[in-house]
Amino acid sequence: MCKQNMEKGIKKVMSAVFGIDESAIDEATSPDIIETWDSLRHMTLIIALEEEFSIQFDDAEIAEMINLQRIRTAIEKKVSNI
């Protein structure tokens, strides 16, 4: 999967989970920026990303996935191991 398609997929999922436009999602997008990003929505995001990319995250990875860059890095690690 190319990085551009991966990022589009991540933004699509984040947009759906947080109810924001994809164009509003950038490297700075984090719980500090998005009011609706609470612990419940974080887990909803993780589940949606797991379904979108057919992967599973462990607890340590989930705790680190707090912005677009870290989410992308975590997914890149998983898809490169498949």
N, C-alpha and C. Protein backbone atom coordinates (compact mmCIF):
# COMPACT_ATOMS: atom_id res chain seq x y z
N MET A 1 0.85 -1.18 0.00
CA MET A 1 0.00 0.00 0.00
C MET A 1 0.89 1.24 0.00
N CYS A 2 0.62 2.16 -0.90
CA CYS A 2 1.43 3.37 -0.95
C CYS A 2 1.05 4.31 0.20
N LYS A 3 2.00 5.15 0.60
CA LYS A 3 1.80 6.05 1.74
C LYS A 3 0.65 7.02 1.50
N GLN A 4 0.49 7.46 0.25
CA GLN A 4 -0.59 8.41 -0.05
C GLN A 4 -1.96 7.76 0.17
N ASN A 5 -2.13 6.51 -0.28
CA ASN A 5 -3.39 5.81 -0.07
C ASN A 5 -3.62 5.52 1.41
N MET A 6 -2.53 5.19 2.12
CA MET A 6 -2.65 4.93 3.55
C MET A 6 -3.12 6.19 4.27
N GLU A 7 -2.52 7.31 3.96
CA GLU A 7 -2.92 8.56 4.62
C GLU A 7 -4.36 8.92 4.29
N LYS A 8 -4.78 8.71 3.06
CA LYS A 8 -6.18 8.97 2.70
C LYS A 8 -7.11 8.10 3.53
N GLY A 9 -6.74 6.83 3.70
CA GLY A 9 -7.56 5.91 4.50
C GLY A 9 -7.63 6.34 5.95
N ILE A 10 -6.50 6.76 6.51
CA ILE A 10 -6.47 7.21 7.90
C ILE A 10 -7.36 8.45 8.06
N LYS A 11 -7.22 9.40 7.15
CA LYS A 11 -8.02 10.62 7.24
C LYS A 11 -9.51 10.32 7.07
N LYS A 12 -9.84 9.38 6.21
CA LYS A 12 -11.24 9.00 6.02
C LYS A 12 -11.82 8.45 7.32
N VAL A 13 -11.07 7.58 7.98
CA VAL A 13 -11.52 7.00 9.24
C VAL A 13 -11.62 8.07 10.32
N MET A 14 -10.60 8.91 10.45
CA MET A 14 -10.62 9.96 11.46
C MET A 14 -11.79 10.91 11.23
N SER A 15 -12.05 11.25 9.99
CA SER A 15 -13.16 12.13 9.64
C SER A 15 -14.48 11.53 10.10
N ALA A 16 -14.67 10.25 9.84
CA ALA A 16 -15.91 9.59 10.22
C ALA A 16 -16.06 9.48 11.73
N VAL A 17 -14.98 9.11 12.41
CA VAL A 17 -15.05 8.92 13.87
C VAL A 17 -15.26 10.24 14.61
N PHE A 18 -14.55 11.29 14.19
CA PHE A 18 -14.60 12.55 14.91
C PHE A 18 -15.59 13.56 14.35
N GLY A 19 -16.19 13.24 13.21
CA GLY A 19 -17.18 14.14 12.63
C GLY A 19 -16.59 15.44 12.13
N ILE A 20 -15.38 15.35 11.56
CA ILE A 20 -14.74 16.54 11.01
C ILE A 20 -14.40 16.30 9.54
N ASP A 21 -14.17 17.36 8.81
CA ASP A 21 -13.81 17.25 7.41
C ASP A 21 -12.39 16.73 7.26
N GLU A 22 -12.16 15.88 6.27
CA GLU A 22 -10.82 15.34 6.03
C GLU A 22 -9.79 16.44 5.82
N SER A 23 -10.20 17.54 5.21
CA SER A 23 -9.26 18.64 4.95
C SER A 23 -8.78 19.31 6.24
N ALA A 24 -9.48 19.10 7.33
CA ALA A 24 -9.09 19.69 8.62
C ALA A 24 -8.07 18.83 9.36
N ILE A 25 -7.74 17.66 8.82
CA ILE A 25 -6.82 16.73 9.47
C ILE A 25 -5.42 16.92 8.90
N ASP A 26 -4.47 17.22 9.81
CA ASP A 26 -3.08 17.38 9.40
C ASP A 26 -2.18 16.83 10.50
N GLU A 27 -0.88 17.08 10.40
CA GLU A 27 0.08 16.55 11.37
C GLU A 27 -0.21 17.01 12.80
N ALA A 28 -0.83 18.14 12.97
CA ALA A 28 -1.13 18.68 14.30
C ALA A 28 -2.41 18.11 14.89
N THR A 29 -3.17 17.36 14.12
CA THR A 29 -4.44 16.83 14.59
C THR A 29 -4.19 15.86 15.75
N SER A 30 -4.78 16.18 16.89
CA SER A 30 -4.58 15.40 18.11
C SER A 30 -5.77 15.65 19.05
N PRO A 31 -5.80 14.94 20.18
CA PRO A 31 -6.88 15.20 21.15
C PRO A 31 -6.90 16.65 21.64
N ASP A 32 -5.75 17.33 21.59
CA ASP A 32 -5.70 18.73 22.01
C ASP A 32 -6.43 19.65 21.03
N ILE A 33 -6.54 19.23 19.78
CA ILE A 33 -7.14 20.03 18.72
C ILE A 33 -8.61 19.67 18.49
N ILE A 34 -8.91 18.38 18.58
CA ILE A 34 -10.27 17.90 18.29
C ILE A 34 -11.04 17.70 19.59
N GLU A 35 -12.07 18.51 19.79
CA GLU A 35 -12.86 18.45 21.02
C GLU A 35 -13.52 17.10 21.24
N THR A 36 -13.91 16.42 20.17
CA THR A 36 -14.63 15.16 20.31
C THR A 36 -13.69 13.97 20.54
N TRP A 37 -12.37 14.19 20.56
CA TRP A 37 -11.41 13.10 20.73
C TRP A 37 -11.24 12.82 22.23
N ASP A 38 -12.11 11.98 22.76
CA ASP A 38 -12.01 11.55 24.15
C ASP A 38 -11.61 10.07 24.17
N SER A 39 -11.57 9.45 25.33
CA SER A 39 -11.11 8.07 25.42
C SER A 39 -12.02 7.09 24.67
N LEU A 40 -13.31 7.33 24.70
CA LEU A 40 -14.23 6.45 23.98
C LEU A 40 -14.04 6.59 22.47
N ARG A 41 -13.94 7.81 21.99
CA ARG A 41 -13.72 8.01 20.54
C ARG A 41 -12.35 7.49 20.13
N HIS A 42 -11.38 7.55 21.03
CA HIS A 42 -10.05 7.02 20.71
C HIS A 42 -10.16 5.52 20.43
N MET A 43 -10.88 4.81 21.26
CA MET A 43 -11.04 3.37 21.05
C MET A 43 -11.86 3.09 19.79
N THR A 44 -12.85 3.93 19.52
CA THR A 44 -13.62 3.80 18.28
C THR A 44 -12.70 4.00 17.08
N LEU A 45 -11.81 4.97 17.17
CA LEU A 45 -10.83 5.22 16.11
C LEU A 45 -9.94 4.01 15.91
N ILE A 46 -9.44 3.44 16.98
CA ILE A 46 -8.54 2.28 16.88
C ILE A 46 -9.25 1.12 16.21
N ILE A 47 -10.46 0.84 16.63
CA ILE A 47 -11.23 -0.27 16.04
C ILE A 47 -11.48 -0.02 14.56
N ALA A 48 -11.84 1.20 14.22
CA ALA A 48 -12.09 1.53 12.82
C ALA A 48 -10.82 1.40 11.98
N LEU A 49 -9.69 1.83 12.53
CA LEU A 49 -8.41 1.69 11.80
C LEU A 49 -8.03 0.22 11.64
N GLU A 50 -8.26 -0.57 12.68
CA GLU A 50 -7.98 -2.01 12.58
C GLU A 50 -8.82 -2.65 11.48
N GLU A 51 -10.07 -2.27 11.40
CA GLU A 51 -10.95 -2.81 10.35
C GLU A 51 -10.53 -2.30 8.98
N GLU A 52 -10.22 -1.03 8.85
CA GLU A 52 -9.85 -0.43 7.57
C GLU A 52 -8.58 -1.07 6.99
N PHE A 53 -7.61 -1.35 7.85
CA PHE A 53 -6.31 -1.84 7.38
C PHE A 53 -6.07 -3.32 7.67
N SER A 54 -7.08 -4.01 8.23
CA SER A 54 -6.98 -5.44 8.55
C SER A 54 -5.75 -5.75 9.40
N ILE A 55 -5.62 -5.01 10.50
CA ILE A 55 -4.51 -5.17 11.43
C ILE A 55 -5.04 -5.12 12.85
N GLN A 56 -4.16 -5.42 13.82
CA GLN A 56 -4.52 -5.28 15.23
C GLN A 56 -3.40 -4.59 15.97
N PHE A 57 -3.76 -3.73 16.89
CA PHE A 57 -2.80 -3.00 17.70
C PHE A 57 -2.79 -3.56 19.11
N ASP A 58 -1.61 -3.51 19.76
CA ASP A 58 -1.56 -3.90 21.16
C ASP A 58 -1.75 -2.65 22.03
N ASP A 59 -1.85 -2.86 23.33
CA ASP A 59 -2.16 -1.75 24.24
C ASP A 59 -1.12 -0.63 24.17
N ALA A 60 0.15 -0.98 24.08
CA ALA A 60 1.20 0.04 24.02
C ALA A 60 1.07 0.89 22.76
N GLU A 61 0.78 0.25 21.65
CA GLU A 61 0.60 0.99 20.39
C GLU A 61 -0.60 1.92 20.47
N ILE A 62 -1.68 1.42 21.03
CA ILE A 62 -2.91 2.21 21.15
C ILE A 62 -2.66 3.48 21.96
N ALA A 63 -1.92 3.35 23.05
CA ALA A 63 -1.63 4.51 23.91
C ALA A 63 -0.78 5.56 23.19
N GLU A 64 0.05 5.14 22.24
CA GLU A 64 0.93 6.06 21.52
C GLU A 64 0.26 6.75 20.34
N MET A 65 -0.88 6.27 19.91
CA MET A 65 -1.52 6.77 18.69
C MET A 65 -2.36 8.02 18.98
N ILE A 66 -1.64 9.12 19.23
CA ILE A 66 -2.31 10.34 19.68
C ILE A 66 -2.26 11.48 18.67
N ASN A 67 -1.76 11.22 17.47
CA ASN A 67 -1.82 12.22 16.41
C ASN A 67 -1.64 11.52 15.06
N LEU A 68 -1.86 12.25 14.00
CA LEU A 68 -1.82 11.66 12.67
C LEU A 68 -0.48 11.00 12.39
N GLN A 69 0.60 11.65 12.72
CA GLN A 69 1.93 11.12 12.44
C GLN A 69 2.15 9.79 13.17
N ARG A 70 1.80 9.72 14.43
CA ARG A 70 2.00 8.48 15.20
C ARG A 70 1.07 7.37 14.72
N ILE A 71 -0.14 7.73 14.32
CA ILE A 71 -1.06 6.74 13.77
C ILE A 71 -0.49 6.17 12.49
N ARG A 72 -0.01 7.04 11.61
CA ARG A 72 0.56 6.61 10.34
C ARG A 72 1.77 5.69 10.58
N THR A 73 2.63 6.06 11.51
CA THR A 73 3.81 5.25 11.81
C THR A 73 3.42 3.86 12.33
N ALA A 74 2.44 3.82 13.21
CA ALA A 74 1.99 2.53 13.77
C ALA A 74 1.42 1.64 12.67
N ILE A 75 0.65 2.22 11.77
CA ILE A 75 0.05 1.43 10.69
C ILE A 75 1.14 0.98 9.71
N GLU A 76 2.07 1.85 9.39
CA GLU A 76 3.17 1.48 8.49
C GLU A 76 3.93 0.27 9.02
N LYS A 77 4.20 0.25 10.32
CA LYS A 77 4.90 -0.88 10.94
C LYS A 77 4.09 -2.17 10.79
N LYS A 78 2.78 -2.06 10.99
CA LYS A 78 1.93 -3.25 10.91
C LYS A 78 1.81 -3.77 9.49
N VAL A 79 1.58 -2.90 8.53
CA VAL A 79 1.37 -3.37 7.15
C VAL A 79 2.67 -3.84 6.52
N SER A 80 3.81 -3.35 6.99
CA SER A 80 5.08 -3.82 6.43
C SER A 80 5.43 -5.21 6.96
N ASN A 81 4.79 -5.61 8.07
CA ASN A 81 5.04 -6.95 8.65
C ASN A 81 4.09 -8.01 8.12
N ILE A 82 3.12 -7.60 7.31
CA ILE A 82 2.12 -8.55 6.80
C ILE A 82 2.70 -9.31 5.63
